[in-house]
Amino acid sequence: MKINNKLVVIIIFFLMILLSTPVSDAIVNIKTNGLKESVQDSHPPIIIDGNDDFTSENGVTGGSGTEEDPFIIENWTIEGHGSDSDGIYIKNTDVYFIIRNCIINGFYGLSSETRGSGISFFCVNNGRIENVKTSKNVEGIFINKNSENIVIDNCSCGNYSSNYASGIGCSKSQYISIIETICHNSYYGIYLNETSYVDCKMSSINDNDWGVWGIGHTKQSIFNYSFENCEIYNNDRDGMSFYLMYLNPFNRHSGNIHISKCEIFSNGIPLPDHWGDYGIRIEDLHDNIIEDCNIYHNGAGIDLRGSTNNIIRNCSISGHYTEDGAYESGIKIWTNGLTFGYNIIGNHNEITNCDVYKNEIGIGLIRSRTIVHKNNVFNNSIAGIWSAHFDRSSITNNNICDNGKDESSDASVVLQFFCINDLRNNWWNSTEGPKIGRYKDLYFPFSLAFFRPWAKEPISEAGVR
């Protein structure tokens, strides 16, 4: 076959061009820490007060402010150089707008009473922030005072890890969406103060002092938070913490917090002078669901205190232990001290279809009424289940095996101080059932347990589905 020499020369020529072209020039719109790479022009800090301030002088590059054609502020680099003001400050608006493809740095006037922010909203409706990178600000993005319908999409918020800085801070606002965003290297990754209806998806909250911190006031009756497909890890204290600033036990405060399909690990690892904190902590808030999560190697796993009507299901919870005798639990449900009103007992909680293993205590139940059903509880060094102080839980149809292997441990199941527990239809890794009266199995001073009949073979439908 005759080879066309001219064609060969052309092919070689184009190959040389391709091989000599730098890779970085051939790739565009790469997402880096939540930011599309593009050219940003320098712009001074932007202040918009009212709908009429959306002008080209204030960084607006297009749009008319309608839902179909929002105002656009994009492709700016805004440097604060230690200023105590804000990179972009918008207040008293209700038109639709988008801030996108911006880099905002250095608003950290820590010597002033003013807290500098990369982006700050005050009484703002219908705002969207996307592909924005903030760093070295006191607040990366701060949503404040009756703001609502705010979307934060594909952003990177990394600020200072001191002076109560937060990657994203929300105060007295509602209907906030956080999507595919990184909140890292701050005091709080996400800070929610008296804020309701927050939806966080596919985001990473990592390497902060506190991961997610949600705090409510006595007047706030419902939180309504959703966290789905998120990673919360390497935070020094709690991975996720939600509670009331001032508790009124005669008011019912519904957290309505839904945490699903999240991976929560390496938070609150114990320090020499500190016992450690939690992957998830919820206090004095009711009606919460934690499901389909992988929670491991935190100071402790899940801590629910003074809360009712909570569901933990289809979760894997493992690797919570210390070396200083703290007796860390995979799951702990309890009520503090002498309480009254809605918080008199942490009752009507449910743990189902979970794998709880390689903790010091698998499940700790103190003054609660919890249904523990169809779980695998195994290889926990101190005890599989520890029920104490007037606990009235139903612990049935579980596989409870190979716990209490540590030489200093008490038992696979500990029933302590005036508990009455239903322990029927569990599999104890023996057709003979639990070995009552032996040191390594059941121990219940001043308590009563019902354990007959027991399962003759492992519960096949138990554990994560």
Protein backbone atom coordinates (compact mmCIF):
# COMPACT_ATOMS: atom_id res chain seq x y z
CA MET A 1 0.00 0.00 0.00
CA LYS A 2 1.34 3.40 -1.01
CA ILE A 3 1.73 5.88 1.85
CA ASN A 4 0.84 9.51 1.18
CA ASN A 5 3.94 11.40 2.43
CA LYS A 6 2.09 14.71 2.49
CA LEU A 7 -0.58 13.25 4.80
CA VAL A 8 2.08 11.85 7.14
CA VAL A 9 3.75 15.26 7.40
CA ILE A 10 0.41 16.91 8.25
CA ILE A 11 -0.35 14.35 10.97
CA ILE A 12 3.12 14.73 12.50
CA PHE A 13 2.73 18.54 12.44
CA PHE A 14 -0.57 18.43 14.38
CA LEU A 15 0.82 15.92 16.88
CA MET A 16 3.74 18.26 17.59
CA ILE A 17 1.31 21.11 18.24
CA LEU A 18 -0.77 19.02 20.65
CA LEU A 19 2.24 17.73 22.56
CA SER A 20 3.73 21.21 22.88
CA THR A 21 0.50 22.75 24.24
CA PRO A 22 0.62 23.13 28.08
CA VAL A 23 -1.99 20.99 29.84
CA SER A 24 -3.14 23.92 31.98
CA ASP A 25 -4.02 25.90 28.84
CA ALA A 26 -6.03 23.02 27.42
CA ILE A 27 -8.31 22.61 30.48
CA VAL A 28 -10.88 25.26 31.43
CA ASN A 29 -13.51 25.66 34.13
CA ILE A 30 -11.84 23.25 36.59
CA LYS A 31 -13.45 23.39 40.03
CA THR A 32 -10.79 24.09 42.67
CA ASN A 33 -12.04 24.24 46.25
CA GLY A 34 -15.46 25.25 45.02
CA LEU A 35 -14.22 27.89 42.55
CA LYS A 36 -14.20 27.78 38.76
CA GLU A 37 -10.85 28.98 37.52
CA SER A 38 -11.31 32.18 35.55
CA VAL A 39 -9.84 35.66 35.37
CA GLN A 40 -10.95 37.97 38.19
CA ASP A 41 -10.47 41.71 38.00
CA SER A 42 -9.75 43.70 41.15
CA HIS A 43 -12.65 45.60 42.66
CA PRO A 44 -12.97 47.67 45.86
CA PRO A 45 -15.42 46.51 48.56
CA ILE A 46 -19.04 46.60 47.41
CA ILE A 47 -21.90 48.10 49.46
CA ILE A 48 -25.49 47.78 48.25
CA ASP A 49 -28.30 49.27 50.36
CA GLY A 50 -31.68 48.77 48.75
CA ASN A 51 -32.76 47.49 45.35
CA ASP A 52 -31.74 50.68 43.54
CA ASP A 53 -28.07 50.17 44.46
CA PHE A 54 -27.62 47.28 42.04
CA THR A 55 -25.58 49.35 39.57
CA SER A 56 -22.47 48.89 37.48
CA GLU A 57 -20.59 51.19 39.89
CA ASN A 58 -21.34 48.62 42.61
CA GLY A 59 -19.94 45.70 40.63
CA VAL A 60 -23.12 44.61 38.83
CA THR A 61 -22.21 43.14 35.45
CA GLY A 62 -25.67 42.23 34.14
CA GLY A 63 -29.28 41.31 34.84
CA SER A 64 -32.47 43.13 35.71
CA GLY A 65 -33.30 41.69 39.17
CA THR A 66 -36.13 39.37 38.23
CA GLU A 67 -36.20 35.67 39.05
CA GLU A 68 -35.66 34.86 35.37
CA ASP A 69 -32.95 37.52 34.90
CA PRO A 70 -31.24 38.16 38.26
CA PHE A 71 -28.63 40.85 38.79
CA ILE A 72 -25.12 39.43 38.36
CA ILE A 73 -22.00 40.35 40.35
CA GLU A 74 -19.17 38.20 39.02
CA ASN A 75 -15.48 37.72 38.30
CA TRP A 76 -14.14 40.10 40.98
CA THR A 77 -11.21 39.78 43.34
CA ILE A 78 -11.81 41.86 46.45
CA GLU A 79 -8.93 42.26 48.92
CA GLY A 80 -9.46 43.56 52.44
CA HIS A 81 -5.83 43.75 53.67
CA GLY A 82 -7.01 43.52 57.27
CA SER A 83 -10.07 45.74 56.93
CA ASP A 84 -12.84 45.45 59.52
CA SER A 85 -15.53 46.03 56.88
CA ASP A 86 -16.98 43.49 54.41
CA GLY A 87 -15.96 42.47 50.92
CA ILE A 88 -19.54 42.53 49.66
CA TYR A 89 -22.25 43.96 51.94
CA ILE A 90 -25.86 43.83 50.76
CA LYS A 91 -28.84 44.91 52.86
CA ASN A 92 -32.54 45.71 52.60
CA THR A 93 -33.14 44.07 49.21
CA ASP A 94 -35.68 41.64 47.81
CA VAL A 95 -34.75 41.50 44.12
CA TYR A 96 -33.05 38.40 42.73
CA PHE A 97 -29.27 38.45 42.38
CA ILE A 98 -26.25 36.14 42.02
CA ILE A 99 -22.71 36.64 43.28
CA ARG A 100 -20.42 34.25 41.42
CA ASN A 101 -16.83 33.50 40.46
CA CYS A 102 -15.38 35.89 43.04
CA ILE A 103 -12.39 35.69 45.38
CA ILE A 104 -12.74 37.65 48.62
CA ASN A 105 -9.87 37.76 51.10
CA GLY A 106 -8.51 39.59 54.10
CA PHE A 107 -11.46 41.19 55.92
CA TYR A 108 -10.31 40.40 59.44
CA GLY A 109 -10.26 43.62 61.46
CA LEU A 110 -9.90 41.75 64.74
CA SER A 111 -8.91 44.84 66.75
CA SER A 112 -12.27 46.47 66.02
CA GLU A 113 -15.66 45.59 67.46
CA THR A 114 -16.79 45.10 63.85
CA ARG A 115 -16.47 41.59 62.46
CA GLY A 116 -15.26 41.63 58.89
CA SER A 117 -16.95 39.28 56.42
CA GLY A 118 -16.19 38.15 52.92
CA ILE A 119 -19.90 38.46 52.06
CA SER A 120 -22.52 39.83 54.45
CA PHE A 121 -26.31 39.99 54.00
CA PHE A 122 -28.68 41.98 56.23
CA CYS A 123 -32.43 41.74 55.58
CA VAL A 124 -31.85 40.21 52.16
CA ASN A 125 -34.23 37.97 50.23
CA ASN A 126 -33.58 35.99 47.05
CA GLY A 127 -29.78 36.01 46.96
CA ARG A 128 -27.53 33.35 45.49
CA ILE A 129 -23.78 32.86 45.99
CA GLU A 130 -22.00 30.40 43.72
CA ASN A 131 -18.38 29.49 42.87
CA VAL A 132 -17.03 31.97 45.44
CA LYS A 133 -13.87 31.49 47.48
CA THR A 134 -13.43 33.32 50.78
CA SER A 135 -10.36 33.16 53.01
CA LYS A 136 -8.80 35.06 55.91
CA ASN A 137 -12.03 36.78 56.89
CA VAL A 138 -13.69 36.65 60.30
CA GLU A 139 -16.89 35.44 58.64
CA GLY A 140 -16.66 33.84 55.23
CA ILE A 141 -20.35 34.27 54.38
CA PHE A 142 -22.66 35.85 56.98
CA ILE A 143 -26.46 35.75 56.57
CA ASN A 144 -28.09 38.03 59.13
CA LYS A 145 -31.36 39.47 60.41
CA ASN A 146 -34.49 38.24 58.69
CA SER A 147 -32.76 37.19 55.50
CA GLU A 148 -34.36 34.30 53.63
CA ASN A 149 -34.33 32.32 50.41
CA ILE A 150 -30.52 32.31 50.20
CA VAL A 151 -28.57 29.71 48.20
CA ILE A 152 -24.83 29.02 48.68
CA ASP A 153 -23.62 26.70 45.91
CA ASN A 154 -20.16 25.29 45.22
CA CYS A 155 -18.22 27.69 47.43
CA SER A 156 -15.09 27.41 49.55
CA CYS A 157 -15.13 29.15 52.94
CA GLY A 158 -11.89 28.94 54.90
CA ASN A 159 -11.19 31.64 57.43
CA TYR A 160 -9.58 32.09 60.83
CA SER A 161 -9.77 29.30 63.43
CA SER A 162 -9.96 31.76 66.34
CA ASN A 163 -12.12 34.65 67.51
CA TYR A 164 -15.34 32.71 66.79
CA ALA A 165 -14.93 33.00 63.04
CA SER A 166 -17.18 30.86 60.87
CA GLY A 167 -17.07 29.61 57.31
CA ILE A 168 -20.82 30.21 56.95
CA GLY A 169 -22.71 32.03 59.69
CA CYS A 170 -26.51 32.44 59.78
CA SER A 171 -28.36 34.48 62.40
CA LYS A 172 -32.12 34.98 62.75
CA SER A 173 -32.76 33.93 59.15
CA GLN A 174 -34.54 31.12 57.34
CA TYR A 175 -34.67 29.06 54.15
CA ILE A 176 -30.94 28.71 53.58
CA SER A 177 -29.57 26.14 51.09
CA ILE A 178 -25.92 25.06 51.18
CA ILE A 179 -24.87 22.85 48.27
CA GLU A 180 -21.48 21.29 47.39
CA THR A 181 -19.63 23.72 49.64
CA ILE A 182 -16.46 23.37 51.71
CA CYS A 183 -16.35 24.99 55.17
CA HIS A 184 -12.93 24.54 56.73
CA ASN A 185 -10.20 26.02 58.94
CA SER A 186 -12.56 28.21 60.97
CA TYR A 187 -13.76 28.27 64.56
CA TYR A 188 -17.20 27.13 63.34
CA GLY A 189 -17.54 25.47 59.97
CA ILE A 190 -21.26 26.34 59.88
CA TYR A 191 -22.81 28.48 62.64
CA LEU A 192 -26.63 28.63 62.91
CA ASN A 193 -28.07 31.03 65.48
CA GLU A 194 -31.87 31.20 65.83
CA THR A 195 -32.11 30.13 62.20
CA SER A 196 -34.72 27.79 60.70
CA TYR A 197 -35.13 25.73 57.52
CA VAL A 198 -31.55 25.03 56.54
CA ASP A 199 -30.84 22.44 53.84
CA CYS A 200 -27.20 21.34 53.46
CA LYS A 201 -26.26 18.79 50.79
CA MET A 202 -23.07 17.24 49.42
CA SER A 203 -20.86 19.54 51.47
CA SER A 204 -17.68 19.08 53.49
CA ILE A 205 -17.26 20.57 56.97
CA ASN A 206 -13.76 19.79 58.14
CA ASP A 207 -10.74 20.95 60.14
CA ASN A 208 -12.61 23.51 62.24
CA ASP A 209 -12.79 23.90 66.01
CA TRP A 210 -16.50 22.97 65.78
CA GLY A 211 -18.03 21.47 62.66
CA VAL A 212 -21.74 22.45 62.61
CA TRP A 213 -23.06 24.45 65.57
CA GLY A 214 -26.79 25.12 65.79
CA ILE A 215 -28.18 27.09 68.70
CA GLY A 216 -31.77 28.15 69.35
CA HIS A 217 -33.54 30.48 71.71
CA THR A 218 -36.44 29.77 74.08
CA LYS A 219 -38.84 31.39 71.61
CA GLN A 220 -37.70 29.20 68.71
CA SER A 221 -40.08 26.26 68.50
CA ILE A 222 -38.63 24.47 65.46
CA PHE A 223 -35.24 24.21 63.76
CA ASN A 224 -35.93 22.18 60.58
CA TYR A 225 -32.38 21.33 59.51
CA SER A 226 -31.48 18.78 56.84
CA PHE A 227 -27.95 17.46 56.22
CA GLU A 228 -27.63 14.94 53.40
CA ASN A 229 -24.59 13.33 51.76
CA CYS A 230 -22.17 15.47 53.76
CA GLU A 231 -18.73 14.76 55.18
CA ILE A 232 -18.03 16.10 58.67
CA TYR A 233 -14.53 15.27 59.85
CA ASN A 234 -11.36 16.37 61.65
CA ASN A 235 -13.12 19.01 63.74
CA ASP A 236 -11.53 19.50 67.17
CA ARG A 237 -14.81 19.48 69.11
CA ASP A 238 -18.27 18.19 68.10
CA GLY A 239 -18.79 17.30 64.47
CA MET A 240 -22.44 18.42 64.74
CA SER A 241 -23.97 20.06 67.82
CA PHE A 242 -27.52 21.38 68.25
CA TYR A 243 -29.08 22.75 71.44
CA LEU A 244 -31.08 25.54 73.09
CA MET A 245 -29.43 28.52 74.70
CA TYR A 246 -32.12 28.79 77.37
CA LEU A 247 -34.38 25.83 78.06
CA ASN A 248 -38.02 26.29 78.93
CA PRO A 249 -39.10 22.74 79.79
CA PHE A 250 -42.78 23.64 79.45
CA ASN A 251 -42.37 24.52 75.75
CA ARG A 252 -41.86 21.78 73.21
CA HIS A 253 -38.90 22.57 70.97
CA SER A 254 -38.91 20.41 67.85
CA GLY A 255 -35.46 20.18 66.34
CA ASN A 256 -36.83 18.32 63.32
CA ILE A 257 -33.19 17.73 62.37
CA HIS A 258 -32.68 15.15 59.64
CA ILE A 259 -29.13 13.82 59.14
CA SER A 260 -28.91 11.25 56.36
CA LYS A 261 -26.25 9.54 54.25
CA CYS A 262 -23.46 11.44 55.99
CA GLU A 263 -19.96 10.30 56.92
CA ILE A 264 -18.94 11.67 60.31
CA PHE A 265 -15.49 10.77 61.61
CA SER A 266 -12.43 11.91 63.57
CA ASN A 267 -14.26 14.70 65.43
CA GLY A 268 -13.70 15.50 69.12
CA ILE A 269 -10.71 13.20 69.47
CA PRO A 270 -9.71 13.18 73.17
CA LEU A 271 -6.78 15.35 74.21
CA PRO A 272 -4.63 14.81 77.33
CA ASP A 273 -6.77 17.26 79.33
CA HIS A 274 -10.10 16.58 77.63
CA TRP A 275 -12.21 13.44 77.36
CA GLY A 276 -13.40 14.12 73.85
CA ASP A 277 -16.56 15.27 72.15
CA TYR A 278 -19.15 13.80 69.81
CA GLY A 279 -19.78 13.04 66.20
CA ILE A 280 -23.38 14.23 66.74
CA ARG A 281 -24.80 15.90 69.87
CA ILE A 282 -28.46 16.97 70.16
CA GLU A 283 -29.74 18.41 73.45
CA ASP A 284 -33.29 19.32 74.54
CA LEU A 285 -34.63 19.12 70.98
CA HIS A 286 -37.23 16.59 69.88
CA ASP A 287 -38.33 14.77 66.69
CA ASN A 288 -34.99 14.16 65.00
CA ILE A 289 -33.87 11.46 62.55
CA ILE A 290 -30.34 10.13 61.98
CA GLU A 291 -30.24 7.50 59.25
CA ASP A 292 -27.99 5.80 56.71
CA CYS A 293 -24.88 7.36 58.22
CA ASN A 294 -21.36 6.06 58.84
CA ILE A 295 -20.14 7.43 62.18
CA TYR A 296 -16.73 6.35 63.40
CA HIS A 297 -13.62 7.25 65.38
CA ASN A 298 -14.98 10.36 67.08
CA GLY A 299 -14.51 11.11 70.77
CA ALA A 300 -17.96 9.50 71.10
CA GLY A 301 -20.59 8.69 68.50
CA ILE A 302 -24.15 10.01 68.97
CA ASP A 303 -25.27 11.81 72.14
CA LEU A 304 -28.98 12.57 72.63
CA ARG A 305 -29.85 14.19 75.93
CA GLY A 306 -33.21 15.43 77.18
CA SER A 307 -34.74 14.66 73.77
CA THR A 308 -37.78 12.62 72.76
CA ASN A 309 -39.16 11.04 69.58
CA ASN A 310 -35.77 10.54 67.96
CA ILE A 311 -34.97 7.80 65.44
CA ILE A 312 -31.52 6.36 64.73
CA ARG A 313 -31.69 3.79 61.96
CA ASN A 314 -29.55 2.00 59.43
CA CYS A 315 -26.30 3.50 60.72
CA SER A 316 -22.84 2.03 61.25
CA ILE A 317 -21.32 3.34 64.49
CA SER A 318 -17.86 2.20 65.53
CA GLY A 319 -14.46 3.00 66.97
CA HIS A 320 -15.34 5.24 69.92
CA TYR A 321 -12.99 4.64 72.82
CA THR A 322 -10.40 6.38 74.97
CA GLU A 323 -7.48 5.32 77.11
CA ASP A 324 -8.43 7.34 80.20
CA GLY A 325 -11.51 5.46 81.46
CA ALA A 326 -14.10 7.83 80.01
CA TYR A 327 -16.26 4.88 78.81
CA GLU A 328 -17.16 6.40 75.46
CA SER A 329 -20.32 5.16 73.75
CA GLY A 330 -21.31 4.57 70.18
CA ILE A 331 -24.82 5.82 71.07
CA LYS A 332 -25.85 7.46 74.32
CA ILE A 333 -29.44 8.47 75.12
CA TRP A 334 -30.00 10.07 78.48
CA THR A 335 -31.70 12.72 80.57
CA ASN A 336 -29.75 15.09 82.78
CA GLY A 337 -30.41 15.07 86.52
CA LEU A 338 -33.70 16.31 87.93
CA THR A 339 -35.86 17.56 85.08
CA PHE A 340 -39.54 18.31 84.51
CA GLY A 341 -41.95 19.30 81.77
CA TYR A 342 -41.21 17.93 78.31
CA ASN A 343 -37.74 16.86 79.41
CA ILE A 344 -38.62 14.72 82.40
CA ILE A 345 -37.44 11.57 80.59
CA GLY A 346 -35.75 11.00 77.25
CA ASN A 347 -38.51 8.66 76.07
CA HIS A 348 -39.96 7.36 72.82
CA ASN A 349 -36.62 7.08 71.07
CA GLU A 350 -35.78 4.30 68.64
CA ILE A 351 -32.56 2.60 67.51
CA THR A 352 -33.10 0.11 64.71
CA ASN A 353 -31.10 -1.73 62.04
CA CYS A 354 -27.74 -0.35 63.17
CA ASP A 355 -24.31 -1.96 63.50
CA VAL A 356 -22.73 -0.79 66.76
CA TYR A 357 -19.28 -2.22 67.33
CA LYS A 358 -15.72 -1.63 68.57
CA ASN A 359 -16.75 1.07 71.02
CA GLU A 360 -16.15 0.99 74.77
CA ILE A 361 -19.91 0.91 75.37
CA GLY A 362 -22.06 0.14 72.36
CA ILE A 363 -25.35 1.71 73.49
CA GLY A 364 -25.75 3.64 76.74
CA LEU A 365 -29.29 4.25 78.03
CA ILE A 366 -29.78 6.39 81.14
CA ARG A 367 -33.25 7.35 82.41
CA SER A 368 -34.72 6.70 78.98
CA ARG A 369 -37.46 4.74 77.28
CA THR A 370 -35.84 3.59 74.07
CA ILE A 371 -36.75 0.86 71.61
CA VAL A 372 -33.57 -0.99 70.60
CA HIS A 373 -34.65 -3.36 67.84
CA LYS A 374 -32.94 -5.41 65.09
CA ASN A 375 -29.40 -4.17 65.69
CA ASN A 376 -26.02 -5.88 65.68
CA VAL A 377 -24.20 -4.93 68.88
CA PHE A 378 -20.83 -6.66 69.05
CA ASN A 379 -17.15 -6.37 69.97
CA ASN A 380 -17.63 -3.45 72.36
CA SER A 381 -14.90 -3.66 74.96
CA ILE A 382 -16.75 -2.63 78.17
CA ALA A 383 -20.36 -3.54 77.42
CA GLY A 384 -22.65 -3.97 74.46
CA ILE A 385 -25.55 -2.20 76.20
CA TRP A 386 -25.43 -0.27 79.46
CA SER A 387 -28.82 0.56 80.98
CA ALA A 388 -28.83 2.63 84.16
CA HIS A 389 -30.76 4.86 86.58
CA PHE A 390 -34.43 3.99 86.14
CA ASP A 391 -34.10 3.12 82.47
CA ARG A 392 -37.23 1.49 80.96
CA SER A 393 -36.02 0.45 77.52
CA SER A 394 -37.19 -2.38 75.27
CA ILE A 395 -34.13 -4.21 73.87
CA THR A 396 -35.46 -6.97 71.61
CA ASN A 397 -34.62 -8.92 68.45
CA ASN A 398 -30.97 -7.89 68.40
CA ASN A 399 -27.75 -9.83 67.93
CA ILE A 400 -25.74 -9.00 71.07
CA CYS A 401 -22.44 -10.85 70.85
CA ASP A 402 -18.81 -10.85 71.95
CA ASN A 403 -18.98 -7.74 74.10
CA GLY A 404 -17.24 -7.17 77.42
CA LYS A 405 -13.97 -8.78 76.38
CA ASP A 406 -11.83 -6.25 78.18
CA GLU A 407 -10.47 -7.60 81.49
CA SER A 408 -11.84 -4.60 83.38
CA SER A 409 -15.28 -4.77 81.80
CA ASP A 410 -18.55 -5.55 83.54
CA ALA A 411 -20.72 -7.40 81.06
CA SER A 412 -22.22 -7.72 77.61
CA VAL A 413 -25.33 -6.04 79.04
CA VAL A 414 -25.24 -3.98 82.23
CA LEU A 415 -28.50 -3.20 84.02
CA GLN A 416 -27.77 -0.83 86.84
CA PHE A 417 -29.83 0.89 89.55
CA PHE A 418 -33.59 0.29 89.36
CA CYS A 419 -33.96 -0.52 85.68
CA ILE A 420 -36.78 -2.56 84.17
CA ASN A 421 -35.85 -3.83 80.71
CA ASP A 422 -37.36 -6.12 78.14
CA LEU A 423 -34.49 -8.28 76.81
CA ARG A 424 -36.53 -10.94 75.04
CA ASN A 425 -35.88 -12.54 71.66
CA ASN A 426 -32.24 -11.48 71.39
CA TRP A 427 -29.48 -13.70 70.04
CA TRP A 428 -26.66 -14.03 72.57
CA ASN A 429 -24.29 -16.09 70.42
CA SER A 430 -25.59 -19.24 72.11
CA THR A 431 -28.68 -21.39 71.82
CA GLU A 432 -28.59 -21.48 75.65
CA GLY A 433 -29.25 -17.73 75.83
CA PRO A 434 -27.49 -15.35 78.23
CA LYS A 435 -25.55 -16.85 81.10
CA ILE A 436 -27.35 -15.21 83.94
CA GLY A 437 -25.38 -14.52 87.08
CA ARG A 438 -21.93 -14.61 85.54
CA TYR A 439 -19.67 -11.62 85.68
CA LYS A 440 -19.29 -11.27 81.93
CA ASP A 441 -22.95 -11.32 80.92
CA LEU A 442 -25.87 -9.73 82.76
CA TYR A 443 -25.50 -7.80 85.99
CA PHE A 444 -28.48 -5.97 87.46
CA PRO A 445 -28.41 -4.85 91.09
CA PHE A 446 -31.88 -3.60 92.05
CA SER A 447 -33.04 -4.10 88.46
CA LEU A 448 -35.41 -6.40 86.65
CA ALA A 449 -34.88 -7.97 83.21
CA PHE A 450 -37.16 -10.12 81.07
CA PHE A 451 -35.03 -12.24 78.74
CA ARG A 452 -37.10 -15.37 78.01
CA PRO A 453 -37.57 -16.49 75.32
CA TRP A 454 -34.30 -15.80 73.51
CA ALA A 455 -33.53 -16.39 69.85
CA LYS A 456 -32.15 -19.82 68.98
CA GLU A 457 -30.20 -18.51 66.00
CA PRO A 458 -28.91 -15.10 64.82
CA ILE A 459 -31.49 -12.51 63.79
CA SER A 460 -31.05 -12.41 60.02
CA GLU A 461 -32.81 -9.08 59.48
CA ALA A 462 -30.74 -7.27 62.14
CA GLY A 463 -28.14 -4.64 61.35
CA VAL A 464 -27.59 -2.21 58.50
CA ARG A 465 -29.76 -3.05 55.52
